[in-house]
Structures are given as structure tokens and as C-alpha cells.
Amino acid sequence: MAIRHGGNRPNKTGENRSRWEHIIRAKALDHIRSLVVLETKPADFLKVLQSGGVSINVYLRRICNFALDMNWLPWPIIPKRQWPPVRYKPKRVITKQESPERPAKSSRQEGHLRVS
């Protein structure tokens, strides 16, 4: 039986499972989807990393580490220090014009009972 990239992760549930299912369907992974894990080359991973964004980089690392932990790979496809760095976009503050109007807080907070 050949172990292929993109298999189901049965140990994931709820939101984590939906995130994994979403990332596994990403177009960036199409290049390695049909490859046998043991036959995957660093150039294959680098091609995926160039076509994807930050989340592809992060999840591909997780997939690779999972395959190593499960002993599906005898050694890393890309050594740890040679992975391209994760580059996040700069963060910014949402202005008042961009922010939707918030409803006013009620005098009685939910979950607290008033004792008289």
C-alpha cells in the first residue's frame, strides 16, 4: 500500500478537522497530491511552497513532521533549517470607519444574577 499526500487525518475533530480538510484541498498541493511520500523530492515541496502562501508553508511543515513522526519517512525531505521562512503580512489596526457599529452594552451582564 502506497502512502500518498493529502490523506484524511482521523485524529482531527471539529474546527481542526475542517481546517485540515480545507488545506488538503488547496490548489497549491495539487503538485504533490498524487506522489508517494517516500518518492517526494525537495524540489517538489519547494514548488508547492512557491505557489502557496503562509498557511501552505505552515501546514506542509506539519504534514512533513507528521510523516516523520509516523516513520513514513526515513529522513526529512527538507532539513529543518532549509525550509523557507514563514513571512506574515504586516498587521494593522482597524479604523473606526472600517469597524461596524457595536451595540451598546446592557446594564445587566449575561451570566450574572443580581441579588437584592
N, C-alpha and C. Protein backbone atom coordinates (compact mmCIF):
# COMPACT_ATOMS: atom_id res chain seq x y z
N MET A 1 0.84 -1.17 0.00
CA MET A 1 0.00 0.00 0.00
C MET A 1 0.89 1.24 0.00
N ALA A 2 0.67 2.13 -0.92
CA ALA A 2 1.44 3.36 -1.01
C ALA A 2 0.77 4.45 -0.18
N ILE A 3 1.53 5.15 0.60
CA ILE A 3 1.00 6.25 1.38
C ILE A 3 1.15 7.50 0.53
N ARG A 4 0.05 8.19 0.31
CA ARG A 4 0.06 9.37 -0.55
C ARG A 4 -0.22 10.62 0.27
N HIS A 5 0.23 11.75 -0.28
CA HIS A 5 -0.03 13.04 0.36
C HIS A 5 -1.52 13.32 0.34
N GLY A 6 -1.99 14.04 1.35
CA GLY A 6 -3.36 14.51 1.35
C GLY A 6 -4.37 13.53 1.91
N GLY A 7 -3.94 12.54 2.67
CA GLY A 7 -4.87 11.59 3.25
C GLY A 7 -5.66 12.22 4.37
N ASN A 8 -6.76 11.59 4.75
CA ASN A 8 -7.57 12.09 5.86
C ASN A 8 -6.80 12.00 7.16
N ARG A 9 -7.05 12.93 8.04
CA ARG A 9 -6.42 12.94 9.36
C ARG A 9 -7.48 12.55 10.37
N PRO A 10 -7.67 11.26 10.67
CA PRO A 10 -8.76 10.83 11.54
C PRO A 10 -8.64 11.33 12.96
N ASN A 11 -7.45 11.76 13.39
CA ASN A 11 -7.29 12.22 14.77
C ASN A 11 -7.71 13.68 14.94
N LYS A 12 -8.18 14.33 13.90
CA LYS A 12 -8.64 15.71 13.98
C LYS A 12 -10.16 15.73 14.08
N THR A 13 -10.69 16.65 14.91
CA THR A 13 -12.14 16.77 15.06
C THR A 13 -12.54 18.23 15.06
N GLY A 14 -13.79 18.51 14.81
CA GLY A 14 -14.34 19.86 14.89
C GLY A 14 -13.68 20.84 13.95
N GLU A 15 -13.35 22.03 14.48
CA GLU A 15 -12.74 23.09 13.68
C GLU A 15 -11.39 22.67 13.10
N ASN A 16 -10.61 21.93 13.89
CA ASN A 16 -9.30 21.47 13.39
C ASN A 16 -9.47 20.59 12.17
N ARG A 17 -10.45 19.71 12.21
CA ARG A 17 -10.69 18.82 11.07
C ARG A 17 -11.10 19.62 9.84
N SER A 18 -11.97 20.62 10.02
CA SER A 18 -12.40 21.43 8.86
C SER A 18 -11.23 22.23 8.30
N ARG A 19 -10.33 22.72 9.16
CA ARG A 19 -9.14 23.43 8.66
C ARG A 19 -8.27 22.50 7.83
N TRP A 20 -8.03 21.28 8.35
CA TRP A 20 -7.22 20.30 7.61
C TRP A 20 -7.86 19.94 6.29
N GLU A 21 -9.17 19.71 6.30
CA GLU A 21 -9.85 19.35 5.06
C GLU A 21 -9.78 20.49 4.05
N HIS A 22 -9.86 21.72 4.53
CA HIS A 22 -9.76 22.87 3.64
C HIS A 22 -8.35 22.98 3.04
N ILE A 23 -7.33 22.84 3.86
CA ILE A 23 -5.96 23.00 3.37
C ILE A 23 -5.57 21.84 2.45
N ILE A 24 -6.06 20.65 2.72
CA ILE A 24 -5.73 19.50 1.89
C ILE A 24 -6.29 19.66 0.48
N ARG A 25 -7.40 20.40 0.34
CA ARG A 25 -7.99 20.62 -0.99
C ARG A 25 -7.35 21.80 -1.72
N ALA A 26 -6.39 22.50 -1.12
CA ALA A 26 -5.78 23.69 -1.73
C ALA A 26 -5.11 23.34 -3.05
N LYS A 27 -5.25 24.26 -4.02
CA LYS A 27 -4.67 24.05 -5.34
C LYS A 27 -3.15 23.93 -5.28
N ALA A 28 -2.53 24.62 -4.33
CA ALA A 28 -1.06 24.61 -4.23
C ALA A 28 -0.53 23.19 -3.99
N LEU A 29 -1.33 22.33 -3.36
CA LEU A 29 -0.89 20.97 -3.08
C LEU A 29 -1.11 20.00 -4.25
N ASP A 30 -1.73 20.48 -5.32
CA ASP A 30 -2.00 19.60 -6.47
C ASP A 30 -0.73 18.96 -7.02
N HIS A 31 0.39 19.67 -6.94
CA HIS A 31 1.65 19.15 -7.49
C HIS A 31 2.11 17.87 -6.78
N ILE A 32 1.87 17.77 -5.48
CA ILE A 32 2.35 16.59 -4.74
C ILE A 32 1.25 15.62 -4.37
N ARG A 33 0.01 15.96 -4.69
CA ARG A 33 -1.12 15.14 -4.25
C ARG A 33 -1.01 13.68 -4.72
N SER A 34 -0.55 13.45 -5.91
CA SER A 34 -0.51 12.08 -6.44
C SER A 34 0.83 11.37 -6.21
N LEU A 35 1.78 12.06 -5.58
CA LEU A 35 3.10 11.46 -5.36
C LEU A 35 3.11 10.56 -4.12
N VAL A 36 3.91 9.53 -4.16
CA VAL A 36 4.13 8.67 -2.99
C VAL A 36 5.08 9.44 -2.07
N VAL A 37 4.76 9.46 -0.77
CA VAL A 37 5.53 10.26 0.19
C VAL A 37 7.03 9.96 0.12
N LEU A 38 7.38 8.70 0.08
CA LEU A 38 8.79 8.30 0.09
C LEU A 38 9.54 8.76 -1.16
N GLU A 39 8.82 8.97 -2.25
CA GLU A 39 9.45 9.38 -3.51
C GLU A 39 9.44 10.89 -3.73
N THR A 40 8.92 11.64 -2.77
CA THR A 40 8.84 13.09 -2.89
C THR A 40 10.23 13.70 -2.73
N LYS A 41 10.55 14.65 -3.58
CA LYS A 41 11.86 15.32 -3.57
C LYS A 41 11.72 16.75 -3.04
N PRO A 42 12.81 17.32 -2.55
CA PRO A 42 12.75 18.71 -2.06
C PRO A 42 12.24 19.68 -3.12
N ALA A 43 12.58 19.47 -4.38
CA ALA A 43 12.12 20.36 -5.44
C ALA A 43 10.59 20.36 -5.54
N ASP A 44 9.97 19.21 -5.27
CA ASP A 44 8.51 19.12 -5.28
C ASP A 44 7.91 20.00 -4.18
N PHE A 45 8.48 19.91 -2.99
CA PHE A 45 8.00 20.73 -1.87
C PHE A 45 8.23 22.21 -2.14
N LEU A 46 9.39 22.56 -2.66
CA LEU A 46 9.69 23.96 -2.93
C LEU A 46 8.74 24.55 -3.96
N LYS A 47 8.34 23.74 -4.94
CA LYS A 47 7.37 24.21 -5.94
C LYS A 47 6.03 24.51 -5.27
N VAL A 48 5.62 23.64 -4.36
CA VAL A 48 4.37 23.86 -3.62
C VAL A 48 4.49 25.13 -2.76
N LEU A 49 5.62 25.29 -2.09
CA LEU A 49 5.81 26.45 -1.21
C LEU A 49 5.80 27.76 -2.00
N GLN A 50 6.32 27.75 -3.22
CA GLN A 50 6.33 28.96 -4.04
C GLN A 50 4.93 29.31 -4.54
N SER A 51 4.11 28.31 -4.77
CA SER A 51 2.77 28.57 -5.29
C SER A 51 1.76 28.88 -4.20
N GLY A 52 2.08 28.58 -2.95
CA GLY A 52 1.16 28.80 -1.84
C GLY A 52 1.56 29.99 -0.99
N GLY A 53 0.78 30.21 0.06
CA GLY A 53 1.05 31.31 0.97
C GLY A 53 1.55 30.81 2.31
N VAL A 54 1.32 31.60 3.32
CA VAL A 54 1.78 31.29 4.68
C VAL A 54 1.15 30.00 5.19
N SER A 55 -0.16 29.84 4.98
CA SER A 55 -0.82 28.65 5.52
C SER A 55 -0.31 27.38 4.85
N ILE A 56 -0.02 27.43 3.56
CA ILE A 56 0.54 26.25 2.88
C ILE A 56 1.90 25.91 3.49
N ASN A 57 2.72 26.93 3.72
CA ASN A 57 4.04 26.73 4.32
C ASN A 57 3.89 26.05 5.69
N VAL A 58 3.01 26.57 6.52
CA VAL A 58 2.83 26.05 7.88
C VAL A 58 2.29 24.62 7.85
N TYR A 59 1.25 24.38 7.05
CA TYR A 59 0.64 23.05 7.03
C TYR A 59 1.52 22.02 6.34
N LEU A 60 2.29 22.43 5.34
CA LEU A 60 3.20 21.49 4.70
C LEU A 60 4.28 21.04 5.68
N ARG A 61 4.75 21.97 6.52
CA ARG A 61 5.69 21.59 7.58
C ARG A 61 5.05 20.58 8.53
N ARG A 62 3.78 20.83 8.89
CA ARG A 62 3.08 19.92 9.80
C ARG A 62 2.92 18.54 9.18
N ILE A 63 2.57 18.50 7.89
CA ILE A 63 2.41 17.23 7.20
C ILE A 63 3.74 16.47 7.17
N CYS A 64 4.81 17.20 6.87
CA CYS A 64 6.14 16.58 6.80
C CYS A 64 6.56 16.06 8.18
N ASN A 65 6.34 16.85 9.21
CA ASN A 65 6.69 16.42 10.57
C ASN A 65 5.85 15.22 11.00
N PHE A 66 4.57 15.21 10.62
CA PHE A 66 3.71 14.08 10.94
C PHE A 66 4.23 12.81 10.27
N ALA A 67 4.61 12.91 8.99
CA ALA A 67 5.14 11.75 8.26
C ALA A 67 6.43 11.24 8.91
N LEU A 68 7.27 12.16 9.39
CA LEU A 68 8.50 11.76 10.08
C LEU A 68 8.18 11.06 11.40
N ASP A 69 7.24 11.64 12.16
CA ASP A 69 6.86 11.06 13.45
C ASP A 69 6.25 9.67 13.30
N MET A 70 5.55 9.45 12.20
CA MET A 70 4.91 8.15 11.95
C MET A 70 5.88 7.15 11.31
N ASN A 71 7.11 7.58 11.10
CA ASN A 71 8.14 6.76 10.45
C ASN A 71 7.78 6.38 9.02
N TRP A 72 7.02 7.25 8.35
CA TRP A 72 6.72 7.05 6.94
C TRP A 72 7.90 7.51 6.10
N LEU A 73 8.74 8.36 6.68
CA LEU A 73 9.93 8.87 6.01
C LEU A 73 11.15 8.50 6.84
N PRO A 74 12.22 8.03 6.20
CA PRO A 74 13.42 7.70 6.95
C PRO A 74 14.22 8.95 7.35
N TRP A 75 14.01 10.06 6.63
CA TRP A 75 14.70 11.32 6.91
C TRP A 75 13.84 12.46 6.37
N PRO A 76 14.09 13.70 6.83
CA PRO A 76 13.29 14.83 6.34
C PRO A 76 13.50 15.08 4.84
N ILE A 77 12.44 15.45 4.16
CA ILE A 77 12.54 15.79 2.74
C ILE A 77 13.32 17.09 2.60
N ILE A 78 12.99 18.06 3.44
CA ILE A 78 13.74 19.32 3.51
C ILE A 78 14.23 19.44 4.95
N PRO A 79 15.55 19.56 5.15
CA PRO A 79 16.05 19.73 6.53
C PRO A 79 15.42 20.96 7.19
N LYS A 80 15.24 20.88 8.50
CA LYS A 80 14.53 21.90 9.27
C LYS A 80 15.01 23.33 8.99
N ARG A 81 16.30 23.54 8.95
CA ARG A 81 16.84 24.89 8.78
C ARG A 81 16.80 25.37 7.33
N GLN A 82 16.47 24.50 6.40
CA GLN A 82 16.43 24.91 5.00
C GLN A 82 15.02 25.21 4.50
N TRP A 83 14.04 25.08 5.37
CA TRP A 83 12.68 25.48 4.98
C TRP A 83 12.66 26.98 4.78
N PRO A 84 11.95 27.46 3.77
CA PRO A 84 11.84 28.92 3.62
C PRO A 84 11.12 29.51 4.82
N PRO A 85 11.51 30.70 5.25
CA PRO A 85 10.86 31.28 6.43
C PRO A 85 9.40 31.61 6.16
N VAL A 86 8.60 31.54 7.22
CA VAL A 86 7.19 31.94 7.13
C VAL A 86 7.17 33.46 7.17
N ARG A 87 6.58 34.08 6.16
CA ARG A 87 6.53 35.55 6.09
C ARG A 87 5.08 36.01 6.19
N TYR A 88 4.75 36.54 7.38
CA TYR A 88 3.41 37.05 7.61
C TYR A 88 3.30 38.47 7.06
N LYS A 89 2.09 38.85 6.66
CA LYS A 89 1.85 40.22 6.22
C LYS A 89 1.88 41.12 7.45
N PRO A 90 2.23 42.41 7.26
CA PRO A 90 2.21 43.31 8.41
C PRO A 90 0.79 43.47 8.95
N LYS A 91 0.69 43.59 10.26
CA LYS A 91 -0.61 43.75 10.90
C LYS A 91 -0.92 45.23 11.03
N ARG A 92 -2.21 45.56 11.04
CA ARG A 92 -2.60 46.95 11.19
C ARG A 92 -3.87 47.03 12.03
N VAL A 93 -4.15 48.20 12.50
CA VAL A 93 -5.31 48.45 13.34
C VAL A 93 -6.51 48.76 12.45
N ILE A 94 -7.68 48.29 12.84
CA ILE A 94 -8.91 48.62 12.11
C ILE A 94 -9.36 49.99 12.58
N THR A 95 -9.62 50.87 11.63
CA THR A 95 -10.05 52.23 11.97
C THR A 95 -11.52 52.25 12.32
N LYS A 96 -11.99 53.36 12.91
CA LYS A 96 -13.40 53.48 13.27
C LYS A 96 -14.29 53.44 12.03
N GLN A 97 -13.81 53.97 10.91
CA GLN A 97 -14.60 53.96 9.68
C GLN A 97 -14.78 52.53 9.15
N GLU A 98 -13.80 51.67 9.38
CA GLU A 98 -13.87 50.29 8.90
C GLU A 98 -14.64 49.38 9.85
N SER A 99 -14.71 49.78 11.10
CA SER A 99 -15.33 48.95 12.13
C SER A 99 -16.85 49.08 12.09
N PRO A 100 -17.56 47.96 12.15
CA PRO A 100 -19.03 48.05 12.21
C PRO A 100 -19.46 48.60 13.56
N GLU A 101 -20.62 49.20 13.60
CA GLU A 101 -21.13 49.76 14.85
C GLU A 101 -21.40 48.64 15.85
N ARG A 102 -20.98 48.85 17.08
CA ARG A 102 -21.21 47.86 18.13
C ARG A 102 -22.44 48.26 18.92
N PRO A 103 -23.26 47.30 19.29
CA PRO A 103 -24.42 47.63 20.13
C PRO A 103 -23.95 48.05 21.52
N ALA A 104 -24.70 48.95 22.14
CA ALA A 104 -24.35 49.42 23.49
C ALA A 104 -24.47 48.27 24.47
N LYS A 105 -23.59 48.26 25.48
CA LYS A 105 -23.63 47.20 26.49
C LYS A 105 -24.87 47.38 27.36
N SER A 106 -25.49 46.30 27.72
CA SER A 106 -26.66 46.38 28.60
C SER A 106 -26.18 46.53 30.04
N SER A 107 -27.04 47.05 30.87
CA SER A 107 -26.65 47.25 32.27
C SER A 107 -26.51 45.93 33.01
N ARG A 108 -27.20 44.92 32.52
CA ARG A 108 -27.12 43.61 33.15
C ARG A 108 -26.24 42.71 32.29
N GLN A 109 -25.15 42.25 32.86
CA GLN A 109 -24.24 41.39 32.11
C GLN A 109 -24.79 39.98 32.08
N GLU A 110 -24.62 39.34 30.96
CA GLU A 110 -25.13 37.98 30.81
C GLU A 110 -24.36 37.03 31.74
N GLY A 111 -25.09 36.18 32.41
CA GLY A 111 -24.45 35.19 33.27
C GLY A 111 -24.33 35.64 34.73
N HIS A 112 -24.60 36.90 35.00
CA HIS A 112 -24.54 37.40 36.38
C HIS A 112 -25.94 37.69 36.87
N LEU A 113 -26.25 37.23 38.06
CA LEU A 113 -27.54 37.48 38.66
C LEU A 113 -27.42 38.57 39.70
N ARG A 114 -28.40 39.42 39.75
CA ARG A 114 -28.42 40.48 40.74
C ARG A 114 -29.15 39.99 42.00
N VAL A 115 -28.52 40.14 43.13
CA VAL A 115 -29.15 39.76 44.40
C VAL A 115 -29.64 41.02 45.06
N SER A 116 -30.95 41.06 45.43
CA SER A 116 -31.47 42.26 46.08
C SER A 116 -31.83 42.03 47.50
